Amino acid sequence: MALIDSVLNLVNKQPKDPDAPKPPVGSRSEREAKLKDKAGMVISVFALLLAVNAWYGGKLSSTVLNNTLGANNLWAQYQAKNNRLVSYEIASKTTSDPALKKEFKAEADRMESDKKEIAIEARKIESLREEAKKSSPWIGYASTAYQLAIVVLSASILAVSMGMFWGSFVVAGIGIVLSLNGLMLWF
């Protein structure tokens, strides 16, 4: 029974003697306790920033992949329309029937029009892909900054250092700037 009580006390972090004297105000253990109280919530906020940033980075990766596939599909359609255009042009030049010549010429004109529409759409998708590609590295850098901020904040608890505690805010602030640049591409 005593073993179970000891284990429960360790898990619950209860002192062995509840009537034991408290450490003096300003002692290392009291400063550490205050720092832990502050840092716990801040780590949660930094982790939230990291999670949102990682989600957005994944969204950008999906955009790059999906738009690459979409553009490739459109350019394949463009090539197919071009092949049909050439076939209709050859057919219109080799037939002697005026009705067929007119029909082949109309189909060739339609293929040319379709090609132009497909090229415009493919270029639009490629443009969106390129924008996502430009944003992706900044989001990656921001994730690294958020991770470093969490590490510095955790180290501040171990070192009982308010300087490191506030330094983690600076690193997280850099992460926020990098995230915003990934969204808005300022530089």
Protein backbone atom coordinates (compact mmCIF):
# COMPACT_ATOMS: atom_id res chain seq x y z
CA MET A 1 0.00 0.00 0.00
CA ALA A 2 2.86 2.36 0.78
CA LEU A 3 4.35 1.70 -2.66
CA ILE A 4 1.09 2.65 -4.36
CA ASP A 5 0.90 5.86 -2.32
CA SER A 6 4.48 6.74 -3.27
CA VAL A 7 3.79 6.17 -6.96
CA LEU A 8 0.59 8.22 -6.80
CA ASN A 9 2.44 11.03 -5.03
CA LEU A 10 5.08 11.02 -7.78
CA VAL A 11 2.47 11.04 -10.54
CA ASN A 12 0.44 13.77 -8.86
CA LYS A 13 3.62 15.63 -7.90
CA GLN A 14 2.46 16.01 -4.32
CA PRO A 15 5.11 16.64 -1.67
CA LYS A 16 5.79 13.79 0.72
CA ASP A 17 4.91 16.00 3.66
CA PRO A 18 2.14 18.53 3.06
CA ASP A 19 3.28 20.42 6.17
CA ALA A 20 6.84 20.75 4.84
CA PRO A 21 8.11 24.33 4.79
CA LYS A 22 7.78 26.19 1.49
CA PRO A 23 10.96 27.43 -0.18
CA PRO A 24 11.74 31.09 0.39
CA VAL A 25 10.26 33.65 -2.05
CA GLY A 26 12.63 34.22 -4.91
CA SER A 27 14.35 30.88 -4.57
CA ARG A 28 15.25 28.91 -7.68
CA SER A 29 12.39 26.47 -7.22
CA GLU A 30 9.84 29.26 -6.79
CA ARG A 31 11.16 31.10 -9.87
CA GLU A 32 11.06 27.82 -11.74
CA ALA A 33 7.43 27.25 -10.69
CA LYS A 34 6.42 30.74 -11.86
CA LEU A 35 8.26 30.25 -15.13
CA LYS A 36 6.60 26.88 -15.68
CA ASP A 37 3.19 28.44 -15.13
CA LYS A 38 3.87 31.11 -17.74
CA ALA A 39 5.69 28.87 -20.20
CA GLY A 40 3.05 26.15 -20.29
CA MET A 41 0.46 28.40 -21.89
CA VAL A 42 2.99 30.05 -24.19
CA ILE A 43 4.21 26.67 -25.46
CA SER A 44 0.59 25.86 -26.33
CA VAL A 45 0.27 29.09 -28.31
CA PHE A 46 3.57 28.47 -30.14
CA ALA A 47 2.44 24.91 -30.90
CA LEU A 48 -0.83 26.27 -32.26
CA LEU A 49 1.08 28.66 -34.53
CA LEU A 50 3.24 25.75 -35.68
CA ALA A 51 0.17 23.58 -36.38
CA VAL A 52 -1.59 26.29 -38.41
CA ASN A 53 1.62 26.99 -40.29
CA ALA A 54 2.11 23.27 -41.04
CA TRP A 55 -1.49 23.03 -42.26
CA TYR A 56 -0.95 25.95 -44.62
CA GLY A 57 2.34 24.45 -45.83
CA GLY A 58 0.50 21.22 -46.62
CA LYS A 59 -2.15 23.19 -48.46
CA LEU A 60 0.54 24.86 -50.55
CA SER A 61 2.13 21.49 -51.36
CA SER A 62 -1.23 20.15 -52.48
CA THR A 63 -1.79 23.23 -54.61
CA VAL A 64 1.57 22.79 -56.32
CA LEU A 65 0.93 19.10 -56.97
CA ASN A 66 -2.69 19.48 -58.09
CA ASN A 67 -1.94 22.44 -60.34
CA THR A 68 1.02 20.64 -61.90
CA LEU A 69 -1.23 17.68 -62.71
CA GLY A 70 -4.01 19.98 -63.94
CA ALA A 71 -1.68 21.95 -66.20
CA ASN A 72 -0.18 18.74 -67.59
CA ASN A 73 -3.67 17.43 -68.36
CA LEU A 74 -4.63 20.68 -70.09
CA TRP A 75 -1.46 20.71 -72.17
CA ALA A 76 -2.20 17.09 -73.18
CA GLN A 77 -5.67 18.20 -74.31
CA TYR A 78 -4.05 21.09 -76.15
CA GLN A 79 -1.78 18.65 -78.00
CA ALA A 80 -4.72 16.39 -78.86
CA LYS A 81 -6.65 19.38 -80.24
CA ASN A 82 -3.58 20.37 -82.24
CA ASN A 83 -3.33 16.86 -83.74
CA ARG A 84 -7.00 16.97 -84.72
CA LEU A 85 -6.51 20.48 -86.14
CA VAL A 86 -3.71 19.24 -88.39
CA SER A 87 -5.82 16.26 -89.50
CA TYR A 88 -8.75 18.53 -90.41
CA GLU A 89 -6.47 20.95 -92.25
CA ILE A 90 -4.95 18.10 -94.27
CA ALA A 91 -8.41 16.65 -94.96
CA SER A 92 -9.76 20.04 -96.13
CA LYS A 93 -6.81 20.44 -98.53
CA THR A 94 -7.01 16.93 -99.96
CA THR A 95 -10.75 16.62 -100.55
CA SER A 96 -12.40 17.82 -103.73
CA ASP A 97 -15.94 17.86 -102.27
CA PRO A 98 -16.78 21.51 -101.42
CA ALA A 99 -19.23 20.50 -98.64
CA LEU A 100 -16.63 18.31 -96.93
CA LYS A 101 -13.97 20.98 -97.43
CA LYS A 102 -16.23 23.50 -95.65
CA GLU A 103 -16.99 21.03 -92.84
CA PHE A 104 -13.30 20.19 -92.33
CA LYS A 105 -12.38 23.88 -92.33
CA ALA A 106 -15.08 24.59 -89.70
CA GLU A 107 -13.75 21.77 -87.50
CA ALA A 108 -10.20 23.07 -87.91
CA ASP A 109 -11.37 26.54 -86.83
CA ARG A 110 -13.14 25.03 -83.82
CA MET A 111 -9.98 23.11 -82.85
CA GLU A 112 -7.94 26.34 -83.08
CA SER A 113 -10.46 28.12 -80.83
CA ASP A 114 -10.45 25.24 -78.34
CA LYS A 115 -6.63 25.27 -78.26
CA LYS A 116 -6.62 28.98 -77.36
CA GLU A 117 -9.08 28.45 -74.49
CA ILE A 118 -7.12 25.48 -73.17
CA ALA A 119 -3.82 27.40 -73.31
CA ILE A 120 -5.33 30.31 -71.35
CA GLU A 121 -6.64 27.94 -68.65
CA ALA A 122 -3.34 26.02 -68.47
CA ARG A 123 -1.36 29.25 -68.04
CA LYS A 124 -3.73 30.39 -65.29
CA ILE A 125 -3.23 27.12 -63.40
CA GLU A 126 0.54 27.35 -63.90
CA SER A 127 0.48 30.89 -62.51
CA LEU A 128 -1.32 29.71 -59.35
CA ARG A 129 1.19 26.88 -59.02
CA GLU A 130 4.14 29.28 -59.30
CA GLU A 131 2.68 31.55 -56.63
CA ALA A 132 2.29 28.57 -54.27
CA LYS A 133 5.88 27.55 -55.04
CA LYS A 134 7.11 31.02 -54.06
CA SER A 135 5.23 30.89 -50.74
CA SER A 136 6.28 27.37 -49.72
CA PRO A 137 9.86 28.09 -48.58
CA TRP A 138 8.73 30.94 -46.32
CA ILE A 139 6.21 28.69 -44.62
CA GLY A 140 8.95 26.11 -44.09
CA TYR A 141 11.26 28.73 -42.57
CA ALA A 142 8.42 29.86 -40.29
CA SER A 143 7.84 26.28 -39.09
CA THR A 144 11.51 26.06 -38.18
CA ALA A 145 11.28 29.34 -36.26
CA TYR A 146 8.23 28.13 -34.30
CA GLN A 147 10.01 24.89 -33.43
CA LEU A 148 13.06 26.84 -32.27
CA ALA A 149 10.84 29.12 -30.20
CA ILE A 150 9.38 26.07 -28.44
CA VAL A 151 12.88 24.67 -27.83
CA VAL A 152 14.16 27.99 -26.42
CA LEU A 153 11.06 28.29 -24.24
CA SER A 154 11.52 24.74 -22.94
CA ALA A 155 15.19 25.45 -22.27
CA SER A 156 14.19 28.58 -20.33
CA ILE A 157 12.32 26.35 -17.88
CA LEU A 158 15.34 24.13 -17.35
CA ALA A 159 17.71 27.08 -17.02
CA VAL A 160 15.17 29.14 -15.05
CA SER A 161 16.02 32.02 -17.38
CA MET A 162 13.61 34.87 -18.06
CA GLY A 163 16.00 36.05 -20.78
CA MET A 164 15.48 32.82 -22.69
CA PHE A 165 11.76 33.01 -21.96
CA TRP A 166 11.51 36.42 -23.65
CA GLY A 167 13.98 35.35 -26.34
CA SER A 168 11.53 32.64 -27.39
CA PHE A 169 9.02 35.40 -28.11
CA VAL A 170 11.54 37.06 -30.43
CA VAL A 171 12.07 33.80 -32.30
CA ALA A 172 8.30 33.21 -32.53
CA GLY A 173 7.90 36.81 -33.76
CA ILE A 174 10.35 36.05 -36.55
CA GLY A 175 8.24 32.98 -37.33
CA ILE A 176 5.11 35.14 -37.54
CA VAL A 177 6.84 37.54 -39.96
CA LEU A 178 7.98 34.59 -42.09
CA SER A 179 4.46 33.10 -42.08
CA LEU A 180 2.94 36.41 -43.12
CA ASN A 181 5.51 36.72 -45.89
CA GLY A 182 4.50 33.26 -47.06
CA LEU A 183 0.92 34.46 -47.23
CA MET A 184 1.52 37.88 -48.76
CA LEU A 185 4.95 37.58 -50.43
CA TRP A 186 6.28 40.96 -49.30
CA PHE A 187 9.90 40.06 -50.01
